[in-house]
N, C-alpha and C. Protein backbone atom coordinates (compact mmCIF):
# COMPACT_ATOMS: atom_id res chain seq x y z
N MET A 1 117.85 91.19 91.44
CA MET A 1 117.02 90.06 91.82
C MET A 1 115.59 90.56 92.06
N LYS A 2 114.62 89.69 91.82
CA LYS A 2 113.22 90.06 91.93
C LYS A 2 112.46 88.96 92.64
N LEU A 3 111.50 89.33 93.47
CA LEU A 3 110.57 88.38 94.08
C LEU A 3 109.23 88.47 93.36
N LYS A 4 108.49 87.37 93.37
CA LYS A 4 107.21 87.34 92.69
C LYS A 4 106.18 86.70 93.62
N LEU A 5 104.99 87.32 93.72
CA LEU A 5 103.90 86.79 94.52
C LEU A 5 102.65 86.73 93.65
N ASP A 6 102.16 85.53 93.42
CA ASP A 6 100.94 85.33 92.63
C ASP A 6 99.81 85.03 93.61
N LEU A 7 98.78 85.87 93.61
CA LEU A 7 97.68 85.74 94.56
C LEU A 7 96.49 84.96 94.02
N HIS A 8 96.61 84.35 92.87
CA HIS A 8 95.49 83.62 92.28
C HIS A 8 94.98 82.49 93.19
N ASP A 9 95.88 81.80 93.87
CA ASP A 9 95.48 80.66 94.68
C ASP A 9 94.78 81.04 95.97
N ILE A 10 95.00 82.25 96.47
CA ILE A 10 94.42 82.64 97.76
C ILE A 10 93.53 83.87 97.63
N TYR A 11 92.98 84.12 96.46
CA TYR A 11 92.23 85.34 96.18
C TYR A 11 91.04 85.57 97.11
N ASN A 12 90.48 84.52 97.70
CA ASN A 12 89.29 84.67 98.53
C ASN A 12 89.54 84.42 100.01
N ARG A 13 90.80 84.42 100.43
CA ARG A 13 91.13 84.19 101.84
C ARG A 13 91.89 85.41 102.37
N GLY A 14 91.14 86.35 102.93
CA GLY A 14 91.67 87.65 103.33
C GLY A 14 92.91 87.62 104.20
N GLN A 15 92.90 86.83 105.26
CA GLN A 15 94.06 86.81 106.16
C GLN A 15 95.27 86.20 105.49
N ASP A 16 95.05 85.22 104.63
CA ASP A 16 96.17 84.62 103.89
C ASP A 16 96.79 85.63 102.93
N ILE A 17 95.96 86.47 102.35
CA ILE A 17 96.46 87.51 101.43
C ILE A 17 97.36 88.47 102.20
N ASP A 18 96.89 88.95 103.34
CA ASP A 18 97.68 89.88 104.15
C ASP A 18 98.99 89.24 104.60
N ARG A 19 98.93 87.97 105.03
CA ARG A 19 100.14 87.27 105.47
C ARG A 19 101.14 87.11 104.33
N ALA A 20 100.65 86.76 103.15
CA ALA A 20 101.52 86.57 101.99
C ALA A 20 102.17 87.89 101.58
N LEU A 21 101.39 88.97 101.59
CA LEU A 21 101.93 90.28 101.24
C LEU A 21 102.99 90.71 102.24
N ARG A 22 102.70 90.54 103.52
CA ARG A 22 103.66 90.93 104.56
C ARG A 22 104.94 90.10 104.45
N ALA A 23 104.78 88.80 104.17
CA ALA A 23 105.95 87.92 104.07
C ALA A 23 106.84 88.31 102.90
N VAL A 24 106.27 88.63 101.76
CA VAL A 24 107.09 88.98 100.59
C VAL A 24 107.77 90.33 100.80
N ILE A 25 107.11 91.26 101.46
CA ILE A 25 107.73 92.55 101.75
C ILE A 25 108.86 92.38 102.76
N ASP A 26 108.60 91.61 103.81
CA ASP A 26 109.65 91.35 104.81
C ASP A 26 110.86 90.67 104.19
N GLU A 27 110.61 89.71 103.29
CA GLU A 27 111.72 89.02 102.62
C GLU A 27 112.52 89.98 101.74
N ALA A 28 111.81 90.85 101.03
CA ALA A 28 112.50 91.82 100.18
C ALA A 28 113.39 92.75 101.01
N VAL A 29 112.88 93.19 102.14
CA VAL A 29 113.66 94.08 103.00
C VAL A 29 114.86 93.33 103.59
N ALA A 30 114.62 92.11 104.07
CA ALA A 30 115.70 91.33 104.70
C ALA A 30 116.81 91.00 103.71
N LYS A 31 116.43 90.68 102.48
CA LYS A 31 117.43 90.29 101.47
C LYS A 31 117.86 91.45 100.58
N ARG A 32 117.32 92.65 100.87
CA ARG A 32 117.66 93.85 100.10
C ARG A 32 117.36 93.68 98.60
N ILE A 33 116.20 93.15 98.32
CA ILE A 33 115.75 92.95 96.94
C ILE A 33 115.02 94.22 96.51
N THR A 34 115.35 94.70 95.34
CA THR A 34 114.85 96.01 94.92
C THR A 34 113.51 95.98 94.19
N LEU A 35 113.03 94.79 93.78
CA LEU A 35 111.78 94.72 93.02
C LEU A 35 110.96 93.51 93.44
N VAL A 36 109.68 93.76 93.73
CA VAL A 36 108.73 92.69 94.03
C VAL A 36 107.58 92.83 93.04
N GLU A 37 107.26 91.72 92.39
CA GLU A 37 106.13 91.68 91.45
C GLU A 37 104.97 91.00 92.16
N ILE A 38 103.82 91.66 92.20
CA ILE A 38 102.62 91.09 92.80
C ILE A 38 101.59 90.93 91.70
N ILE A 39 101.01 89.74 91.62
CA ILE A 39 100.02 89.45 90.58
C ILE A 39 98.67 89.18 91.24
N PRO A 40 97.82 90.22 91.33
CA PRO A 40 96.48 89.98 91.86
C PRO A 40 95.54 89.45 90.78
N GLY A 41 95.91 89.54 89.54
CA GLY A 41 95.06 89.09 88.44
C GLY A 41 94.15 90.20 87.96
N LYS A 42 93.46 89.95 86.89
CA LYS A 42 92.62 90.99 86.28
C LYS A 42 91.23 90.99 86.88
N GLY A 43 90.53 89.91 86.91
CA GLY A 43 89.23 89.78 87.56
C GLY A 43 88.41 91.05 87.64
N SER A 44 87.74 91.23 88.78
CA SER A 44 86.87 92.40 88.97
C SER A 44 87.64 93.61 89.48
N GLY A 45 88.87 93.41 89.91
CA GLY A 45 89.68 94.51 90.42
C GLY A 45 89.65 94.64 91.92
N GLN A 46 88.82 93.85 92.59
CA GLN A 46 88.71 93.94 94.05
C GLN A 46 89.98 93.50 94.76
N LEU A 47 90.61 92.44 94.27
CA LEU A 47 91.84 91.96 94.89
C LEU A 47 92.96 92.99 94.74
N LYS A 48 93.04 93.61 93.57
CA LYS A 48 94.06 94.63 93.35
C LYS A 48 93.83 95.81 94.30
N LYS A 49 92.58 96.20 94.50
CA LYS A 49 92.26 97.29 95.42
C LYS A 49 92.66 96.91 96.84
N ARG A 50 92.43 95.65 97.21
CA ARG A 50 92.81 95.19 98.55
C ARG A 50 94.33 95.25 98.74
N VAL A 51 95.06 94.82 97.71
CA VAL A 51 96.53 94.87 97.76
C VAL A 51 97.00 96.31 97.90
N LEU A 52 96.43 97.21 97.12
CA LEU A 52 96.83 98.62 97.18
C LEU A 52 96.51 99.24 98.55
N ARG A 53 95.37 98.86 99.14
CA ARG A 53 95.04 99.34 100.49
C ARG A 53 96.04 98.81 101.51
N PHE A 54 96.43 97.54 101.37
CA PHE A 54 97.43 96.97 102.27
C PHE A 54 98.74 97.73 102.15
N LEU A 55 99.17 97.97 100.93
CA LEU A 55 100.44 98.66 100.70
C LEU A 55 100.41 100.11 101.14
N ASP A 56 99.23 100.69 101.26
CA ASP A 56 99.11 102.09 101.64
C ASP A 56 99.10 102.31 103.16
N GLN A 57 99.13 101.23 103.94
CA GLN A 57 99.21 101.37 105.39
C GLN A 57 100.52 102.06 105.76
N LYS A 58 100.47 102.91 106.76
CA LYS A 58 101.63 103.74 107.11
C LYS A 58 102.88 102.91 107.38
N GLU A 59 102.77 101.84 108.16
CA GLU A 59 103.97 101.06 108.51
C GLU A 59 104.50 100.26 107.32
N ILE A 60 103.64 99.90 106.39
CA ILE A 60 104.07 99.18 105.18
C ILE A 60 104.68 100.20 104.20
N ARG A 61 104.02 101.34 104.05
CA ARG A 61 104.47 102.37 103.10
C ARG A 61 105.91 102.82 103.41
N ALA A 62 106.27 102.79 104.68
CA ALA A 62 107.62 103.23 105.08
C ALA A 62 108.70 102.26 104.61
N LEU A 63 108.32 101.05 104.21
CA LEU A 63 109.31 100.03 103.85
C LEU A 63 109.73 100.08 102.37
N TYR A 64 108.87 100.62 101.50
CA TYR A 64 109.20 100.60 100.07
C TYR A 64 109.28 102.01 99.52
N HIS A 65 109.83 102.11 98.31
CA HIS A 65 110.04 103.41 97.66
C HIS A 65 108.82 103.85 96.84
N ARG A 66 108.34 102.97 95.94
CA ARG A 66 107.19 103.35 95.10
C ARG A 66 106.51 102.11 94.54
N ILE A 67 105.28 102.31 94.06
CA ILE A 67 104.49 101.25 93.40
C ILE A 67 104.34 101.64 91.94
N GLU A 68 104.49 100.64 91.09
CA GLU A 68 104.31 100.86 89.66
C GLU A 68 103.22 99.92 89.17
N LYS A 69 102.20 100.48 88.53
CA LYS A 69 101.16 99.66 87.92
C LYS A 69 101.60 99.38 86.49
N ASP A 70 101.61 98.12 86.13
CA ASP A 70 102.08 97.71 84.80
C ASP A 70 101.12 98.23 83.73
N ALA A 71 101.63 99.03 82.82
CA ALA A 71 100.81 99.61 81.76
C ALA A 71 100.37 98.56 80.74
N GLN A 72 101.15 97.51 80.58
CA GLN A 72 100.85 96.46 79.60
C GLN A 72 99.90 95.40 80.16
N ASN A 73 99.92 95.20 81.48
CA ASN A 73 99.12 94.15 82.10
C ASN A 73 98.57 94.71 83.41
N TRP A 74 97.32 95.14 83.43
CA TRP A 74 96.78 95.79 84.62
C TRP A 74 96.49 94.83 85.76
N GLY A 75 96.79 93.55 85.58
CA GLY A 75 96.66 92.56 86.65
C GLY A 75 97.98 92.33 87.37
N ARG A 76 98.90 93.29 87.28
CA ARG A 76 100.23 93.12 87.87
C ARG A 76 100.72 94.45 88.44
N LEU A 77 101.36 94.37 89.61
CA LEU A 77 101.94 95.53 90.28
C LEU A 77 103.41 95.27 90.56
N PHE A 78 104.20 96.33 90.55
CA PHE A 78 105.61 96.23 90.92
C PHE A 78 105.84 97.15 92.11
N ILE A 79 106.49 96.62 93.14
CA ILE A 79 106.86 97.42 94.30
C ILE A 79 108.38 97.59 94.25
N HIS A 80 108.82 98.83 94.21
CA HIS A 80 110.24 99.14 94.13
C HIS A 80 110.76 99.53 95.51
N PHE A 81 111.89 98.98 95.86
CA PHE A 81 112.54 99.28 97.12
C PHE A 81 113.85 100.01 96.83
N ARG A 82 114.25 100.89 97.73
CA ARG A 82 115.53 101.59 97.60
C ARG A 82 116.26 101.44 98.93
N PHE A 83 117.46 100.94 98.85
CA PHE A 83 118.26 100.73 100.05
C PHE A 83 119.51 101.59 99.97
N LYS A 84 119.92 102.09 101.13
CA LYS A 84 121.11 102.94 101.18
C LYS A 84 122.35 102.13 101.43
């Protein structure tokens, strides 16, 4: 199973972006979902950088296994989770 978060609608509302990212990560952990797709879009790249900075926070980083940048579509990220 996979979760998907499209940030196009809230690209310019910083706190909403953080809340949406935290909510999708919390949901993935709670439901033991192994893949989350985040779509910051292509644009100038600032939103993608913000998402990557959010994901790099120590307490967030501890929740997931790895991040994969889509080679075919650079406006998309995959967060992989590993559960024991």
